[in-house]
């Protein structure tokens, strides 16, 4: 045990909130690789942050946080890459695949689309939920559909974003599906009509135990996000 580990603390600890889409990525990755870890719930429904979060992420004071042998790793994309670098090779040696593609161009593409989700799709989601008036809502809805179609274009006719194997970009994107019904209700549109390939991909992902055991009830997630966005 490293000197800076708290007595009784597991080697791998994950701190998150159940409705946090970013944290769902990390849970899926840990479960996909068959990792043993301790989960600590951080209640984001209250304003006061726990001492653990303030100590482990004093810069942003946010979850998700992965703690490995007492050392914190923050930001979901950063955590996914860390998990893959530290434990992905063991999974590959056991007959699985690493999370990120082996090919440098494919890795760059996966990172590009991950950045697109974090800096485009989530921002548009916020606009949709916070829109005032029909015109503003219609503009946000149209932009969100366009962005989801762009993701669908990156998927193409493949089973998963990297081909036949579930991997990094699938893990980044699939937590969004917890908000798909919310998008439809908030924007009054049908994703089965707008993005049929993406919906078939969603069903394939949810056949995996790592995904199925992680994603929470969509209506509960919707209610929590309405509370966060102040529309209840």
Foldseek 3Di string as FASTA:
>chain_A
DDPQDDVPADQKEWEEAQLDLLSLLVLLLCVVLPHDYHYDYFDPVDDDGDPVLCVQPVPPSHDGWMAGNNHIDHDSLRSLVVCLVPRVVVSVVVPAHGQADPDPVSNVVLVVVLVCCVPPLVVLVLQCLQPDDDVSNQVSLVSNLVSVVVVLVCCDPALENVHPHHHDSCSSPLSCVLCPVVSCVSNVDDCCVSRVSVVSSNVVVCVDPSNVVRHDHSVVSSVVVNVVSVND
